[in-house]
């Protein structure tokens, strides 16, 4: 069953750190079955707190998503994301 990781950025702290993260992110996807469905496109917040951006990535299953998220290459990139902004991340299983 497919799984989705959804990241919402709620507040930028250090743009330079975010740019380092963005420059590293594609390389972390090598060898992983990831399909980025949404990446900082136009959006409207219909409920809840405002956000600055959203990313939705599709994986074949929960295990594949966790393998990428906990990989050494993503952890190295994520260190810059964590320094650069406040994000919320959710892993959800889909029904398709």
Protein backbone atom coordinates (compact mmCIF):
# COMPACT_ATOMS: atom_id res chain seq x y z
CA UNK A 1 0.00 0.00 0.00
CA UNK A 2 1.52 3.40 -0.92
CA UNK A 3 2.70 5.75 1.80
CA UNK A 4 3.17 9.51 1.79
CA UNK A 5 5.48 11.82 3.68
CA UNK A 6 4.04 15.30 4.09
CA UNK A 7 6.25 18.15 5.29
CA UNK A 8 4.86 21.58 6.10
CA UNK A 9 7.22 24.48 6.77
CA UNK A 10 5.80 26.77 9.41
CA UNK A 11 8.65 29.23 9.97
CA UNK A 12 12.00 29.96 8.32
CA UNK A 13 14.84 30.53 10.77
CA UNK A 14 17.95 30.56 8.55
CA UNK A 15 17.53 30.76 4.77
CA UNK A 16 21.18 29.77 4.18
CA UNK A 17 20.69 26.47 6.02
CA UNK A 18 17.54 25.78 4.01
CA UNK A 19 19.43 26.40 0.78
CA UNK A 20 22.08 23.85 1.87
CA UNK A 21 19.26 21.36 2.53
CA UNK A 22 17.65 22.03 -0.85
CA UNK A 23 21.00 21.57 -2.61
CA UNK A 24 21.40 18.13 -0.97
CA UNK A 25 17.87 16.74 -1.14
CA UNK A 26 17.84 15.26 -4.66
CA UNK A 27 20.97 13.22 -3.97
CA UNK A 28 19.24 11.62 -0.95
CA UNK A 29 16.62 10.18 -3.31
CA UNK A 30 19.14 8.09 -5.29
CA UNK A 31 18.30 4.42 -4.84
CA UNK A 32 14.91 5.12 -3.27
CA UNK A 33 11.51 4.86 -4.96
CA UNK A 34 10.27 8.38 -4.30
CA UNK A 35 7.77 10.34 -6.35
CA UNK A 36 7.49 13.99 -5.32
CA UNK A 37 3.86 14.94 -5.87
CA UNK A 38 3.93 18.46 -4.43
CA UNK A 39 6.89 20.75 -3.84
CA UNK A 40 6.16 24.27 -2.65
CA UNK A 41 3.38 24.93 -5.16
CA UNK A 42 0.56 27.41 -4.67
CA UNK A 43 -1.68 26.54 -1.72
CA UNK A 44 -4.47 27.88 0.46
CA UNK A 45 -4.64 27.05 4.16
CA UNK A 46 -8.27 26.13 4.72
CA UNK A 47 -7.97 25.34 8.44
CA UNK A 48 -5.34 25.69 11.15
CA UNK A 49 -2.19 27.73 11.46
CA UNK A 50 -0.60 29.36 8.42
CA UNK A 51 2.33 27.62 6.72
CA UNK A 52 5.07 28.79 4.37
CA UNK A 53 5.17 25.72 2.16
CA UNK A 54 4.33 22.06 1.71
CA UNK A 55 5.97 18.97 0.19
CA UNK A 56 4.24 15.64 -0.46
CA UNK A 57 6.29 12.60 -1.47
CA UNK A 58 4.91 9.18 -2.43
CA UNK A 59 6.62 5.88 -1.59
CA UNK A 60 5.67 2.28 -2.44
CA UNK A 61 5.01 1.53 1.25
CA UNK A 62 5.72 2.65 4.82
CA UNK A 63 8.97 0.67 5.03
CA UNK A 64 10.35 2.37 1.89
CA UNK A 65 9.50 5.81 3.28
CA UNK A 66 11.21 5.04 6.59
CA UNK A 67 14.26 3.62 4.80
CA UNK A 68 14.70 6.95 3.01
CA UNK A 69 13.88 9.15 6.02
CA UNK A 70 16.32 7.31 8.31
CA UNK A 71 19.05 6.93 5.66
CA UNK A 72 22.44 8.47 6.36
CA UNK A 73 22.20 10.72 3.31
CA UNK A 74 18.82 12.14 4.33
CA UNK A 75 19.87 12.57 7.98
CA UNK A 76 22.87 14.64 6.80
CA UNK A 77 20.61 16.86 4.68
CA UNK A 78 17.89 17.05 7.35
CA UNK A 79 20.39 18.52 9.82
CA UNK A 80 20.38 21.66 7.65
CA UNK A 81 16.57 21.62 7.34
CA UNK A 82 16.24 21.48 11.12
CA UNK A 83 18.63 24.44 11.53
CA UNK A 84 16.91 26.34 8.74
CA UNK A 85 13.22 26.14 9.60
CA UNK A 86 10.47 24.71 11.72
CA UNK A 87 8.72 21.86 9.93
CA UNK A 88 6.02 19.34 10.70
CA UNK A 89 6.43 15.93 9.12
CA UNK A 90 3.84 13.18 8.83
CA UNK A 91 4.07 9.67 7.37
CA UNK A 92 0.68 8.31 6.32
CA UNK A 93 -0.39 5.12 4.59
CA UNK A 94 -2.62 5.59 1.56
CA UNK A 95 -5.57 3.60 0.30
CA UNK A 96 -5.03 3.17 -3.45
